Amino acid sequence: MTNINSRPDSRRRRRRRLAWLALVAVVLLCFAWLFVPVWLIQPFKAQTSRGVEVSYALRRWSPLVTVAALLAGLALVAYLWRGGRWWAKAAMLVLLVPLAGFAWFARQQPFEWMFRPLAAAAHARAAEADFVRDGEMVLAVEVNGDAVAYPVRQLAYHHLVEDTVGGAALAATY
């Protein structure tokens, strides 16, 4: 009596299922690799030194990892393509699109997208600055007798303000 699992058709179906599972896993792992750093470093979210360290390590390796994931995805699609039905081929292409997008995104700097510098700082007299509460922390700068104060609460979001104070260009950061 022959074992049903030893048939060539059964083994081929099992290998194809494993290849599909591997393709989906590659897409999901690549997604996680790219978006964990963005999730760890969010504006107004407490950040730990370990979280920042992990985030930067993942970002540093993401260009290589995403290219490897794209190549693995292409190899899996090449394996699955022959003998696949039209809807399976369409699904393969749908899974390759995010992998190509991830390879592009890994070469971008999402932290610059999250923390946009405040390009046009507006000034208000202290009496008119009703959006700054008493006792709120500010970053104060005085240059050539001209003084300004930037609320730390706003700097925490923008991280950087470019301004001219007392005729001198400056970049205040927090």
N, C-alpha and C. Protein backbone atom coordinates (compact mmCIF):
# COMPACT_ATOMS: atom_id res chain seq x y z
N MET A 1 0.85 -1.17 0.00
CA MET A 1 0.00 0.00 0.00
C MET A 1 0.90 1.24 0.00
N THR A 2 0.55 2.23 -0.82
CA THR A 2 1.37 3.45 -0.89
C THR A 2 0.77 4.53 -0.01
N ASN A 3 1.64 5.29 0.54
CA ASN A 3 1.22 6.41 1.40
C ASN A 3 0.72 7.54 0.51
N ILE A 4 -0.42 8.12 0.85
CA ILE A 4 -1.02 9.20 0.05
C ILE A 4 -0.12 10.44 0.01
N ASN A 5 0.63 10.67 1.07
CA ASN A 5 1.50 11.85 1.14
C ASN A 5 2.74 11.72 0.27
N SER A 6 3.03 10.52 -0.20
CA SER A 6 4.23 10.34 -1.00
C SER A 6 3.96 10.58 -2.48
N ARG A 7 2.73 10.80 -2.85
CA ARG A 7 2.41 11.06 -4.25
C ARG A 7 3.03 12.37 -4.70
N PRO A 8 3.48 12.42 -5.96
CA PRO A 8 4.09 13.66 -6.48
C PRO A 8 3.13 14.84 -6.44
N ASP A 9 1.85 14.65 -6.76
CA ASP A 9 0.89 15.76 -6.75
C ASP A 9 0.73 16.34 -5.35
N SER A 10 0.67 15.48 -4.37
CA SER A 10 0.51 15.93 -2.99
C SER A 10 1.74 16.71 -2.53
N ARG A 11 2.91 16.24 -2.87
CA ARG A 11 4.14 16.95 -2.48
C ARG A 11 4.23 18.30 -3.19
N ARG A 12 3.85 18.33 -4.47
CA ARG A 12 3.90 19.58 -5.23
C ARG A 12 2.93 20.60 -4.64
N ARG A 13 1.73 20.16 -4.27
CA ARG A 13 0.75 21.08 -3.64
C ARG A 13 1.28 21.60 -2.31
N ARG A 14 1.91 20.74 -1.54
CA ARG A 14 2.46 21.15 -0.25
C ARG A 14 3.58 22.18 -0.43
N ARG A 15 4.45 21.95 -1.42
CA ARG A 15 5.53 22.90 -1.70
C ARG A 15 4.97 24.24 -2.17
N ARG A 16 3.92 24.21 -2.99
CA ARG A 16 3.30 25.46 -3.46
C ARG A 16 2.66 26.21 -2.29
N ARG A 17 2.01 25.49 -1.40
CA ARG A 17 1.41 26.14 -0.21
C ARG A 17 2.50 26.78 0.65
N LEU A 18 3.60 26.07 0.84
CA LEU A 18 4.71 26.63 1.61
C LEU A 18 5.30 27.85 0.91
N ALA A 19 5.38 27.83 -0.41
CA ALA A 19 5.89 28.99 -1.14
C ALA A 19 4.94 30.18 -0.99
N TRP A 20 3.64 29.93 -1.05
CA TRP A 20 2.66 31.01 -0.83
C TRP A 20 2.80 31.58 0.59
N LEU A 21 2.92 30.69 1.55
CA LEU A 21 3.08 31.12 2.94
C LEU A 21 4.37 31.93 3.09
N ALA A 22 5.43 31.50 2.46
CA ALA A 22 6.70 32.22 2.53
C ALA A 22 6.57 33.60 1.87
N LEU A 23 5.86 33.69 0.75
CA LEU A 23 5.68 34.97 0.08
C LEU A 23 4.92 35.96 0.97
N VAL A 24 3.84 35.50 1.57
CA VAL A 24 3.07 36.37 2.48
C VAL A 24 3.92 36.74 3.70
N ALA A 25 4.69 35.79 4.22
CA ALA A 25 5.54 36.07 5.38
C ALA A 25 6.61 37.10 5.03
N VAL A 26 7.20 37.01 3.85
CA VAL A 26 8.22 37.98 3.44
C VAL A 26 7.62 39.38 3.39
N VAL A 27 6.41 39.51 2.84
CA VAL A 27 5.75 40.82 2.76
C VAL A 27 5.47 41.35 4.17
N LEU A 28 4.93 40.51 5.04
CA LEU A 28 4.59 40.96 6.40
C LEU A 28 5.84 41.30 7.22
N LEU A 29 6.88 40.51 7.11
CA LEU A 29 8.12 40.79 7.84
C LEU A 29 8.78 42.07 7.34
N CYS A 30 8.74 42.27 6.04
CA CYS A 30 9.32 43.48 5.47
C CYS A 30 8.53 44.71 5.94
N PHE A 31 7.20 44.59 5.98
CA PHE A 31 6.36 45.68 6.48
C PHE A 31 6.73 46.00 7.93
N ALA A 32 6.83 44.97 8.76
CA ALA A 32 7.17 45.17 10.17
C ALA A 32 8.56 45.79 10.31
N TRP A 33 9.51 45.33 9.51
CA TRP A 33 10.88 45.85 9.59
C TRP A 33 10.92 47.35 9.33
N LEU A 34 10.08 47.82 8.41
CA LEU A 34 10.08 49.24 8.06
C LEU A 34 9.27 50.10 9.01
N PHE A 35 8.16 49.57 9.53
CA PHE A 35 7.27 50.42 10.29
C PHE A 35 7.43 50.33 11.80
N VAL A 36 8.19 49.37 12.29
CA VAL A 36 8.50 49.35 13.73
C VAL A 36 9.30 50.59 14.12
N PRO A 37 10.32 51.01 13.35
CA PRO A 37 11.04 52.23 13.73
C PRO A 37 10.15 53.46 13.76
N VAL A 38 9.23 53.56 12.80
CA VAL A 38 8.31 54.71 12.77
C VAL A 38 7.40 54.66 13.99
N TRP A 39 6.98 53.47 14.38
CA TRP A 39 6.10 53.33 15.54
C TRP A 39 6.85 53.63 16.84
N LEU A 40 8.12 53.25 16.91
CA LEU A 40 8.91 53.48 18.12
C LEU A 40 9.22 54.97 18.34
N ILE A 41 9.42 55.69 17.25
CA ILE A 41 9.79 57.11 17.37
C ILE A 41 8.64 57.93 16.80
N GLN A 42 7.70 58.27 17.66
CA GLN A 42 6.55 59.07 17.26
C GLN A 42 6.60 60.40 17.99
N PRO A 43 6.05 61.45 17.35
CA PRO A 43 5.97 62.72 18.07
C PRO A 43 5.08 62.57 19.31
N PHE A 44 5.46 63.18 20.38
CA PHE A 44 4.72 63.22 21.64
C PHE A 44 4.55 61.86 22.29
N LYS A 45 5.36 60.89 21.94
CA LYS A 45 5.32 59.58 22.58
C LYS A 45 6.62 59.40 23.35
N ALA A 46 6.52 58.86 24.53
CA ALA A 46 7.73 58.63 25.33
C ALA A 46 8.65 57.68 24.58
N GLN A 47 9.92 58.02 24.53
CA GLN A 47 10.89 57.20 23.83
C GLN A 47 11.94 56.72 24.83
N THR A 48 12.28 55.46 24.72
CA THR A 48 13.34 54.92 25.58
C THR A 48 14.63 54.86 24.76
N SER A 49 15.73 54.81 25.45
CA SER A 49 17.00 54.72 24.72
C SER A 49 17.08 53.41 23.96
N ARG A 50 16.53 52.35 24.52
CA ARG A 50 16.52 51.04 23.82
C ARG A 50 15.65 51.12 22.57
N GLY A 51 14.51 51.78 22.65
CA GLY A 51 13.63 51.92 21.50
C GLY A 51 14.29 52.71 20.38
N VAL A 52 14.99 53.78 20.73
CA VAL A 52 15.70 54.58 19.73
C VAL A 52 16.83 53.75 19.12
N GLU A 53 17.53 52.98 19.95
CA GLU A 53 18.61 52.13 19.45
C GLU A 53 18.09 51.09 18.47
N VAL A 54 16.99 50.43 18.81
CA VAL A 54 16.38 49.43 17.93
C VAL A 54 15.90 50.08 16.64
N SER A 55 15.28 51.24 16.78
CA SER A 55 14.77 51.95 15.62
C SER A 55 15.88 52.30 14.64
N TYR A 56 16.97 52.84 15.13
CA TYR A 56 18.08 53.21 14.26
C TYR A 56 18.75 51.98 13.65
N ALA A 57 18.84 50.90 14.40
CA ALA A 57 19.43 49.67 13.85
C ALA A 57 18.57 49.13 12.71
N LEU A 58 17.25 49.10 12.91
CA LEU A 58 16.37 48.64 11.85
C LEU A 58 16.44 49.55 10.63
N ARG A 59 16.49 50.86 10.85
CA ARG A 59 16.58 51.80 9.73
C ARG A 59 17.91 51.64 8.99
N ARG A 60 18.97 51.39 9.71
CA ARG A 60 20.29 51.25 9.09
C ARG A 60 20.32 50.04 8.16
N TRP A 61 19.68 48.95 8.55
CA TRP A 61 19.70 47.72 7.77
C TRP A 61 18.55 47.62 6.77
N SER A 62 17.60 48.51 6.85
CA SER A 62 16.40 48.38 6.00
C SER A 62 16.67 48.42 4.50
N PRO A 63 17.62 49.21 3.97
CA PRO A 63 17.84 49.14 2.52
C PRO A 63 18.28 47.74 2.05
N LEU A 64 19.17 47.11 2.79
CA LEU A 64 19.63 45.77 2.43
C LEU A 64 18.52 44.74 2.62
N VAL A 65 17.82 44.82 3.74
CA VAL A 65 16.77 43.85 4.04
C VAL A 65 15.64 43.92 3.01
N THR A 66 15.25 45.14 2.61
CA THR A 66 14.15 45.26 1.66
C THR A 66 14.53 44.77 0.26
N VAL A 67 15.78 44.98 -0.15
CA VAL A 67 16.22 44.45 -1.45
C VAL A 67 16.24 42.93 -1.39
N ALA A 68 16.73 42.36 -0.29
CA ALA A 68 16.73 40.91 -0.14
C ALA A 68 15.30 40.37 -0.14
N ALA A 69 14.39 41.07 0.52
CA ALA A 69 12.99 40.65 0.54
C ALA A 69 12.38 40.71 -0.86
N LEU A 70 12.70 41.76 -1.59
CA LEU A 70 12.18 41.89 -2.96
C LEU A 70 12.72 40.77 -3.85
N LEU A 71 14.00 40.47 -3.72
CA LEU A 71 14.58 39.36 -4.50
C LEU A 71 13.95 38.02 -4.11
N ALA A 72 13.75 37.81 -2.81
CA ALA A 72 13.10 36.57 -2.35
C ALA A 72 11.67 36.50 -2.89
N GLY A 73 10.96 37.62 -2.85
CA GLY A 73 9.61 37.66 -3.39
C GLY A 73 9.58 37.35 -4.87
N LEU A 74 10.52 37.92 -5.63
CA LEU A 74 10.59 37.62 -7.06
C LEU A 74 10.88 36.15 -7.32
N ALA A 75 11.77 35.57 -6.52
CA ALA A 75 12.09 34.14 -6.68
C ALA A 75 10.87 33.28 -6.37
N LEU A 76 10.14 33.63 -5.31
CA LEU A 76 8.95 32.85 -4.97
C LEU A 76 7.87 32.99 -6.04
N VAL A 77 7.71 34.19 -6.56
CA VAL A 77 6.72 34.40 -7.63
C VAL A 77 7.13 33.61 -8.88
N ALA A 78 8.41 33.62 -9.20
CA ALA A 78 8.89 32.85 -10.36
C ALA A 78 8.59 31.37 -10.18
N TYR A 79 8.76 30.87 -8.96
CA TYR A 79 8.46 29.46 -8.68
C TYR A 79 6.96 29.19 -8.80
N LEU A 80 6.14 30.09 -8.27
CA LEU A 80 4.70 29.87 -8.25
C LEU A 80 4.01 30.20 -9.57
N TRP A 81 4.65 31.00 -10.41
CA TRP A 81 3.99 31.52 -11.61
C TRP A 81 3.54 30.40 -12.56
N ARG A 82 4.47 29.48 -12.83
CA ARG A 82 4.14 28.39 -13.76
C ARG A 82 3.08 27.49 -13.14
N GLY A 83 2.03 27.31 -13.86
CA GLY A 83 0.96 26.45 -13.37
C GLY A 83 -0.04 27.16 -12.48
N GLY A 84 0.18 28.46 -12.25
CA GLY A 84 -0.77 29.21 -11.43
C GLY A 84 -1.96 29.69 -12.25
N ARG A 85 -3.10 29.79 -11.62
CA ARG A 85 -4.29 30.30 -12.29
C ARG A 85 -4.20 31.82 -12.38
N TRP A 86 -5.07 32.43 -13.17
CA TRP A 86 -5.01 33.88 -13.40
C TRP A 86 -5.17 34.66 -12.10
N TRP A 87 -6.06 34.21 -11.22
CA TRP A 87 -6.27 34.94 -9.96
C TRP A 87 -5.07 34.78 -9.03
N ALA A 88 -4.41 33.64 -9.11
CA ALA A 88 -3.21 33.43 -8.29
C ALA A 88 -2.07 34.32 -8.80
N LYS A 89 -1.96 34.46 -10.12
CA LYS A 89 -0.94 35.33 -10.68
C LYS A 89 -1.21 36.79 -10.31
N ALA A 90 -2.50 37.16 -10.34
CA ALA A 90 -2.86 38.53 -9.93
C ALA A 90 -2.50 38.76 -8.46
N ALA A 91 -2.75 37.77 -7.61
CA ALA A 91 -2.41 37.89 -6.19
C ALA A 91 -0.91 38.00 -5.99
N MET A 92 -0.16 37.27 -6.80
CA MET A 92 1.31 37.36 -6.71
C MET A 92 1.78 38.77 -7.03
N LEU A 93 1.22 39.34 -8.08
CA LEU A 93 1.61 40.70 -8.47
C LEU A 93 1.20 41.70 -7.39
N VAL A 94 0.03 41.48 -6.80
CA VAL A 94 -0.42 42.37 -5.72
C VAL A 94 0.53 42.29 -4.53
N LEU A 95 1.10 41.14 -4.27
CA LEU A 95 2.06 41.00 -3.17
C LEU A 95 3.43 41.57 -3.53
N LEU A 96 3.77 41.60 -4.81
CA LEU A 96 5.06 42.18 -5.21
C LEU A 96 5.05 43.71 -5.14
N VAL A 97 3.90 44.33 -5.36
CA VAL A 97 3.82 45.79 -5.34
C VAL A 97 4.26 46.37 -4.00
N PRO A 98 3.74 45.87 -2.87
CA PRO A 98 4.23 46.42 -1.60
C PRO A 98 5.72 46.16 -1.38
N LEU A 99 6.22 45.01 -1.83
CA LEU A 99 7.66 44.75 -1.66
C LEU A 99 8.49 45.78 -2.41
N ALA A 100 8.07 46.12 -3.62
CA ALA A 100 8.78 47.16 -4.37
C ALA A 100 8.65 48.50 -3.66
N GLY A 101 7.46 48.79 -3.13
CA GLY A 101 7.25 50.03 -2.37
C GLY A 101 8.11 50.07 -1.12
N PHE A 102 8.25 48.95 -0.44
CA PHE A 102 9.08 48.89 0.76
C PHE A 102 10.55 49.14 0.41
N ALA A 103 10.99 48.60 -0.73
CA ALA A 103 12.37 48.82 -1.15
C ALA A 103 12.61 50.31 -1.42
N TRP A 104 11.60 50.99 -1.96
CA TRP A 104 11.72 52.45 -2.18
C TRP A 104 11.69 53.18 -0.83
N PHE A 105 10.72 52.83 0.03
CA PHE A 105 10.52 53.52 1.30
C PHE A 105 11.75 53.40 2.20
N ALA A 106 12.46 52.29 2.11
CA ALA A 106 13.64 52.08 2.96
C ALA A 106 14.73 53.09 2.66
N ARG A 107 14.67 53.72 1.52
CA ARG A 107 15.67 54.73 1.15
C ARG A 107 15.19 56.14 1.44
N GLN A 108 14.05 56.28 2.08
CA GLN A 108 13.50 57.58 2.46
C GLN A 108 13.81 57.83 3.94
N GLN A 109 13.53 59.01 4.39
CA GLN A 109 13.75 59.37 5.79
C GLN A 109 12.40 59.76 6.42
N PRO A 110 11.67 58.77 6.97
CA PRO A 110 10.34 59.09 7.50
C PRO A 110 10.37 60.01 8.71
N PHE A 111 11.49 60.05 9.42
CA PHE A 111 11.57 60.93 10.59
C PHE A 111 11.50 62.39 10.16
N GLU A 112 12.04 62.69 8.98
CA GLU A 112 11.93 64.06 8.46
C GLU A 112 10.49 64.38 8.08
N TRP A 113 9.73 63.36 7.68
CA TRP A 113 8.32 63.59 7.36
C TRP A 113 7.52 63.84 8.63
N MET A 114 7.89 63.14 9.71
CA MET A 114 7.13 63.28 10.96
C MET A 114 7.46 64.59 11.66
N PHE A 115 8.69 65.04 11.61
CA PHE A 115 9.12 66.22 12.34
C PHE A 115 9.53 67.30 11.34
N ARG A 116 8.57 68.06 10.90
CA ARG A 116 8.83 69.12 9.94
C ARG A 116 9.34 70.36 10.66
N PRO A 117 10.45 70.94 10.20
CA PRO A 117 10.91 72.18 10.82
C PRO A 117 9.88 73.29 10.66
N LEU A 118 9.77 74.12 11.66
CA LEU A 118 8.87 75.27 11.61
C LEU A 118 9.59 76.35 10.81
N ALA A 119 9.23 76.48 9.53
CA ALA A 119 9.99 77.33 8.60
C ALA A 119 9.72 78.81 8.82
N ALA A 120 8.51 79.19 9.11
CA ALA A 120 8.16 80.61 9.22
C ALA A 120 7.69 80.89 10.64
N ALA A 121 8.63 81.13 11.52
CA ALA A 121 8.28 81.41 12.92
C ALA A 121 7.61 82.78 13.00
N ALA A 122 6.49 82.82 13.68
CA ALA A 122 5.79 84.09 13.89
C ALA A 122 6.10 84.57 15.30
N HIS A 123 6.17 85.88 15.44
CA HIS A 123 6.52 86.47 16.74
C HIS A 123 5.29 87.17 17.30
N ALA A 124 5.20 87.13 18.60
CA ALA A 124 4.14 87.84 19.31
C ALA A 124 4.75 88.42 20.58
N ARG A 125 4.24 89.56 20.99
CA ARG A 125 4.69 90.13 22.27
C ARG A 125 4.24 89.20 23.39
N ALA A 126 4.97 89.24 24.49
CA ALA A 126 4.67 88.34 25.60
C ALA A 126 3.23 88.51 26.07
N ALA A 127 2.72 89.73 26.10
CA ALA A 127 1.35 89.96 26.56
C ALA A 127 0.32 89.38 25.58
N GLU A 128 0.69 89.26 24.31
CA GLU A 128 -0.23 88.75 23.29
C GLU A 128 -0.12 87.24 23.10
N ALA A 129 0.87 86.62 23.69
CA ALA A 129 1.09 85.19 23.51
C ALA A 129 0.23 84.41 24.49
N ASP A 130 -1.09 84.42 24.25
CA ASP A 130 -2.01 83.75 25.16
C ASP A 130 -1.97 82.23 25.01
N PHE A 131 -1.29 81.71 24.00
CA PHE A 131 -1.18 80.26 23.83
C PHE A 131 -0.07 79.68 24.69
N VAL A 132 0.74 80.55 25.32
CA VAL A 132 1.81 80.09 26.22
C VAL A 132 1.31 80.30 27.65
N ARG A 133 1.19 79.21 28.38
CA ARG A 133 0.67 79.28 29.75
C ARG A 133 1.76 79.73 30.73
N ASP A 134 1.33 80.31 31.83
CA ASP A 134 2.28 80.67 32.88
C ASP A 134 3.00 79.41 33.36
N GLY A 135 4.28 79.50 33.54
CA GLY A 135 5.06 78.37 34.03
C GLY A 135 5.46 77.38 32.94
N GLU A 136 5.02 77.62 31.71
CA GLU A 136 5.39 76.72 30.62
C GLU A 136 6.85 76.95 30.24
N MET A 137 7.56 75.87 29.93
CA MET A 137 8.97 75.98 29.57
C MET A 137 9.11 76.59 28.18
N VAL A 138 10.09 77.48 28.07
CA VAL A 138 10.41 78.08 26.78
C VAL A 138 11.92 78.02 26.57
N LEU A 139 12.32 78.06 25.33
CA LEU A 139 13.72 78.18 24.98
C LEU A 139 13.93 79.63 24.58
N ALA A 140 14.72 80.35 25.39
CA ALA A 140 14.91 81.79 25.18
C ALA A 140 16.26 82.04 24.52
N VAL A 141 16.24 83.00 23.57
CA VAL A 141 17.45 83.37 22.85
C VAL A 141 17.52 84.89 22.80
N GLU A 142 18.72 85.43 23.06
CA GLU A 142 18.92 86.87 22.93
C GLU A 142 20.17 87.09 22.08
N VAL A 143 20.01 87.89 21.00
CA VAL A 143 21.12 88.22 20.11
C VAL A 143 21.04 89.70 19.80
N ASN A 144 22.12 90.43 20.07
CA ASN A 144 22.19 91.86 19.77
C ASN A 144 21.02 92.65 20.35
N GLY A 145 20.62 92.30 21.55
CA GLY A 145 19.54 93.03 22.22
C GLY A 145 18.14 92.61 21.80
N ASP A 146 18.02 91.71 20.83
CA ASP A 146 16.72 91.21 20.38
C ASP A 146 16.49 89.86 21.06
N ALA A 147 15.36 89.70 21.76
CA ALA A 147 15.09 88.47 22.51
C ALA A 147 13.82 87.80 21.99
N VAL A 148 13.87 86.47 21.90
CA VAL A 148 12.70 85.67 21.52
C VAL A 148 12.64 84.46 22.44
N ALA A 149 11.46 83.88 22.50
CA ALA A 149 11.27 82.66 23.29
C ALA A 149 10.41 81.69 22.49
N TYR A 150 10.84 80.46 22.43
CA TYR A 150 10.11 79.41 21.69
C TYR A 150 9.54 78.43 22.71
N PRO A 151 8.21 78.22 22.71
CA PRO A 151 7.63 77.25 23.64
C PRO A 151 8.16 75.84 23.37
N VAL A 152 8.64 75.19 24.42
CA VAL A 152 9.19 73.85 24.28
C VAL A 152 8.12 72.89 23.77
N ARG A 153 6.88 73.10 24.15
CA ARG A 153 5.78 72.24 23.69
C ARG A 153 5.70 72.23 22.16
N GLN A 154 5.89 73.38 21.53
CA GLN A 154 5.86 73.43 20.07
C GLN A 154 7.17 72.91 19.47
N LEU A 155 8.28 73.18 20.12
CA LEU A 155 9.55 72.66 19.63
C LEU A 155 9.60 71.13 19.70
N ALA A 156 8.91 70.56 20.68
CA ALA A 156 8.90 69.11 20.81
C ALA A 156 8.27 68.46 19.59
N TYR A 157 7.35 69.14 18.94
CA TYR A 157 6.74 68.58 17.74
C TYR A 157 7.60 68.85 16.51
N HIS A 158 8.00 70.11 16.32
CA HIS A 158 8.74 70.48 15.12
C HIS A 158 10.23 70.15 15.23
N HIS A 159 10.74 70.10 16.46
CA HIS A 159 12.15 69.81 16.75
C HIS A 159 13.12 70.89 16.28
N LEU A 160 12.67 71.76 15.40
CA LEU A 160 13.59 72.72 14.84
C LEU A 160 12.81 73.94 14.37
N VAL A 161 13.34 75.12 14.66
CA VAL A 161 12.77 76.36 14.11
C VAL A 161 13.93 77.17 13.54
N GLU A 162 13.74 77.62 12.31
CA GLU A 162 14.73 78.48 11.68
C GLU A 162 14.22 79.90 11.80
N ASP A 163 15.06 80.81 12.28
CA ASP A 163 14.60 82.16 12.58
C ASP A 163 15.76 83.13 12.41
N THR A 164 15.44 84.41 12.44
CA THR A 164 16.45 85.47 12.47
C THR A 164 16.20 86.29 13.72
N VAL A 165 17.20 86.39 14.56
CA VAL A 165 17.10 87.12 15.82
C VAL A 165 18.27 88.10 15.88
N GLY A 166 17.95 89.37 16.08
CA GLY A 166 18.99 90.38 16.18
C GLY A 166 19.86 90.46 14.94
N GLY A 167 19.26 90.15 13.79
CA GLY A 167 19.99 90.21 12.53
C GLY A 167 20.83 88.98 12.24
N ALA A 168 20.79 87.99 13.11
CA ALA A 168 21.58 86.75 12.90
C ALA A 168 20.64 85.58 12.65
N ALA A 169 20.96 84.78 11.65
CA ALA A 169 20.19 83.56 11.38
C ALA A 169 20.53 82.52 12.43
N LEU A 170 19.50 81.81 12.90
CA LEU A 170 19.73 80.76 13.88
C LEU A 170 18.78 79.61 13.65
N ALA A 171 19.15 78.48 14.19
CA ALA A 171 18.30 77.29 14.19
C ALA A 171 18.19 76.85 15.65
N ALA A 172 16.99 76.98 16.20
CA ALA A 172 16.76 76.55 17.57
C ALA A 172 16.17 75.14 17.52
N THR A 173 16.67 74.28 18.37
CA THR A 173 16.20 72.89 18.36
C THR A 173 16.01 72.39 19.77
N TYR A 174 15.16 71.40 19.90
CA TYR A 174 14.91 70.78 21.20
C TYR A 174 14.65 69.32 20.96
